[in-house]
Protein backbone atom coordinates (compact mmCIF):
# COMPACT_ATOMS: atom_id res chain seq x y z
CA MET A 1 -51.83 -71.98 -17.53
CA ILE A 2 -48.41 -73.28 -18.60
CA PHE A 3 -48.61 -71.26 -21.81
CA LYS A 4 -49.34 -68.10 -19.83
CA GLU A 5 -46.37 -68.74 -17.52
CA ARG A 6 -44.05 -69.30 -20.48
CA LEU A 7 -45.34 -66.14 -22.14
CA ILE A 8 -44.64 -64.16 -18.97
CA SER A 9 -41.14 -65.65 -18.67
CA LEU A 10 -40.47 -64.82 -22.35
CA ARG A 11 -41.65 -61.25 -21.77
CA ASN A 12 -39.34 -60.99 -18.74
CA LEU A 13 -36.44 -62.33 -20.81
CA ILE A 14 -37.04 -59.74 -23.55
CA HIS A 15 -37.13 -56.94 -21.02
CA SER A 16 -33.97 -58.07 -19.21
CA LYS A 17 -30.68 -56.16 -19.56
CA ASN A 18 -28.76 -59.28 -20.61
CA PHE A 19 -31.09 -59.84 -23.55
CA PHE A 20 -30.67 -56.22 -24.60
CA LEU A 21 -26.88 -56.31 -24.33
CA VAL A 22 -26.55 -59.60 -26.21
CA SER A 23 -28.95 -58.41 -28.92
CA PHE A 24 -27.19 -55.07 -29.25
CA LEU A 25 -23.76 -56.70 -29.58
CA LEU A 26 -25.08 -59.31 -32.01
CA ILE A 27 -26.65 -56.66 -34.25
CA LEU A 28 -23.47 -54.59 -34.03
CA CYS A 29 -21.32 -57.59 -35.00
CA ILE A 30 -23.62 -58.40 -37.93
CA GLY A 31 -23.45 -54.79 -39.10
CA ILE A 32 -19.65 -54.75 -38.84
CA PHE A 33 -19.38 -58.05 -40.69
CA LEU A 34 -21.65 -56.90 -43.53
CA ARG A 35 -19.72 -53.64 -43.89
CA THR A 36 -16.28 -55.27 -43.92
CA TYR A 37 -17.03 -58.47 -45.87
CA HIS A 38 -15.14 -58.29 -49.18
CA PHE A 39 -14.46 -54.61 -48.51
CA HIS A 40 -11.36 -54.58 -50.69
CA ASP A 41 -12.85 -56.62 -53.54
CA TRP A 42 -16.08 -54.66 -53.90
CA LEU A 43 -14.59 -51.16 -53.93
CA LEU A 44 -15.34 -49.25 -57.10
CA PHE A 45 -13.47 -46.05 -57.88
CA GLU A 46 -15.15 -43.64 -60.27
CA LYS A 47 -13.59 -40.52 -61.79
CA ASP A 48 -14.26 -38.30 -58.80
CA GLN A 49 -12.71 -40.77 -56.34
CA VAL A 50 -9.66 -41.09 -58.58
CA ARG A 51 -9.40 -37.29 -58.66
CA ASP A 52 -9.53 -37.21 -54.85
CA ALA A 53 -6.92 -39.99 -54.60
CA VAL A 54 -4.55 -38.12 -56.92
CA PHE A 55 -5.07 -34.94 -54.92
CA THR A 56 -4.37 -36.80 -51.67
CA GLU A 57 -1.17 -38.22 -53.12
CA GLN A 58 -0.10 -34.75 -54.25
CA VAL A 59 -0.63 -33.40 -50.74
CA LEU A 60 1.42 -36.22 -49.23
CA THR A 61 4.30 -35.73 -51.68
CA GLY A 62 4.32 -31.97 -51.04
CA GLU A 63 3.22 -30.93 -54.52
CA LYS A 64 0.11 -29.29 -53.08
CA SER A 65 -0.73 -27.89 -49.67
CA TRP A 66 -3.50 -29.09 -47.40
CA PRO A 67 -6.84 -28.01 -48.88
CA VAL A 68 -8.91 -25.13 -47.58
CA PHE A 69 -11.97 -26.23 -49.56
CA GLY A 70 -13.31 -29.67 -50.26
CA PRO A 71 -14.33 -31.16 -53.60
CA THR A 72 -16.50 -29.20 -56.00
CA MET A 73 -20.10 -30.38 -56.15
CA ARG A 74 -22.99 -29.60 -58.46
CA ALA A 75 -26.32 -28.55 -57.07
CA SER A 76 -29.33 -30.68 -57.87
CA GLY A 77 -32.80 -29.75 -59.00
CA GLU A 78 -33.30 -26.59 -60.99
CA ASP A 79 -29.82 -25.16 -60.20
CA LYS A 80 -27.83 -27.96 -61.85
CA GLU A 81 -25.24 -25.50 -63.17
CA THR A 82 -24.46 -24.09 -59.72
CA LEU A 83 -21.15 -25.29 -58.28
CA PHE A 84 -20.24 -25.23 -54.62
CA HIS A 85 -17.48 -26.59 -52.38
CA ILE A 86 -18.10 -28.91 -49.50
CA GLY A 87 -15.83 -28.75 -46.47
CA PRO A 88 -12.24 -30.03 -46.54
CA VAL A 89 -12.73 -32.56 -43.73
CA TYR A 90 -13.35 -35.26 -46.35
CA TYR A 91 -9.85 -34.71 -47.71
CA TYR A 92 -8.34 -34.47 -44.23
CA PHE A 93 -9.63 -37.92 -43.32
CA GLN A 94 -8.30 -39.36 -46.60
CA ILE A 95 -4.91 -37.74 -46.09
CA LEU A 96 -4.60 -38.95 -42.48
CA SER A 97 -5.70 -42.45 -43.43
CA THR A 98 -3.13 -42.56 -46.23
CA MET A 99 -0.42 -41.24 -43.90
CA ILE A 100 -1.19 -43.99 -41.35
CA PHE A 101 -1.86 -47.01 -43.58
CA GLY A 102 -0.04 -46.20 -46.83
CA PRO A 103 -0.96 -45.10 -50.36
CA GLU A 104 -3.34 -47.89 -51.31
CA ALA A 105 -6.68 -47.31 -53.03
CA GLU A 106 -8.77 -49.06 -50.37
CA VAL A 107 -7.00 -47.16 -47.58
CA MET A 108 -8.73 -43.97 -48.69
CA ALA A 109 -12.07 -45.64 -48.02
CA TYR A 110 -11.16 -46.66 -44.44
CA PRO A 111 -12.61 -43.46 -42.91
CA ASP A 112 -15.91 -44.15 -44.69
CA LEU A 113 -15.88 -47.69 -43.33
CA LEU A 114 -15.07 -46.49 -39.81
CA PHE A 115 -17.85 -43.91 -39.79
CA SER A 116 -20.28 -46.42 -41.27
CA ILE A 117 -19.55 -48.76 -38.36
CA LEU A 118 -19.74 -45.96 -35.80
CA SER A 119 -23.11 -44.91 -37.20
CA LEU A 120 -24.71 -48.14 -35.93
CA PRO A 121 -24.64 -47.34 -32.19
CA LEU A 122 -25.19 -43.66 -32.94
CA PHE A 123 -28.36 -44.55 -34.84
CA PHE A 124 -29.55 -46.64 -31.89
CA PHE A 125 -29.00 -43.82 -29.39
CA PHE A 126 -30.76 -41.38 -31.71
CA LEU A 127 -33.75 -43.71 -32.02
CA ARG A 128 -33.74 -44.33 -28.27
CA LYS A 129 -34.70 -40.69 -27.71
CA TYR A 130 -37.95 -41.24 -29.63
CA PHE A 131 -38.82 -44.95 -29.30
CA THR A 132 -38.69 -47.74 -26.76
CA GLU A 133 -35.58 -49.83 -26.31
CA ASN A 134 -36.95 -52.82 -28.24
CA ILE A 135 -38.19 -50.76 -31.19
CA SER A 136 -34.86 -48.92 -31.33
CA LEU A 137 -33.03 -52.23 -31.29
CA ALA A 138 -35.20 -53.62 -34.07
CA LEU A 139 -34.69 -50.51 -36.23
CA MET A 140 -30.95 -50.67 -35.58
CA GLY A 141 -31.08 -54.26 -36.83
CA VAL A 142 -32.78 -53.16 -40.03
CA TYR A 143 -30.16 -50.44 -40.49
CA ALA A 144 -27.34 -52.90 -39.80
CA ILE A 145 -28.36 -55.20 -42.64
CA SER A 146 -29.24 -52.43 -45.06
């Protein structure tokens, strides 16, 4: 009988709003920590990121104007030789970040970090449309540590 009462009280605790809020904030804090831990030290710039950084610097110094098109990408699959441009918003975020925080290499990755953090609650609210609150919270936890 005592076991059944404790099981019922545990079930009530899990379904309470305080448990949800504390769990949500804990998962969010863990996700933020894992995304920002050694952020500067673990950045790796390949040729395409260096190209984008040079382009951003040229826009800020006035050598080039703000882009109308984004970086050139190659298609995958059978059309590997097909080139296309993605939108310029990627460059806009890099340029604005560099204007605000200065011309450092890691500064250009700040928008990616910000949107990675903002994707955590967005992912939860997306999952909440299809699953229960607890399942959505658990899946958000998996996403936070991925």
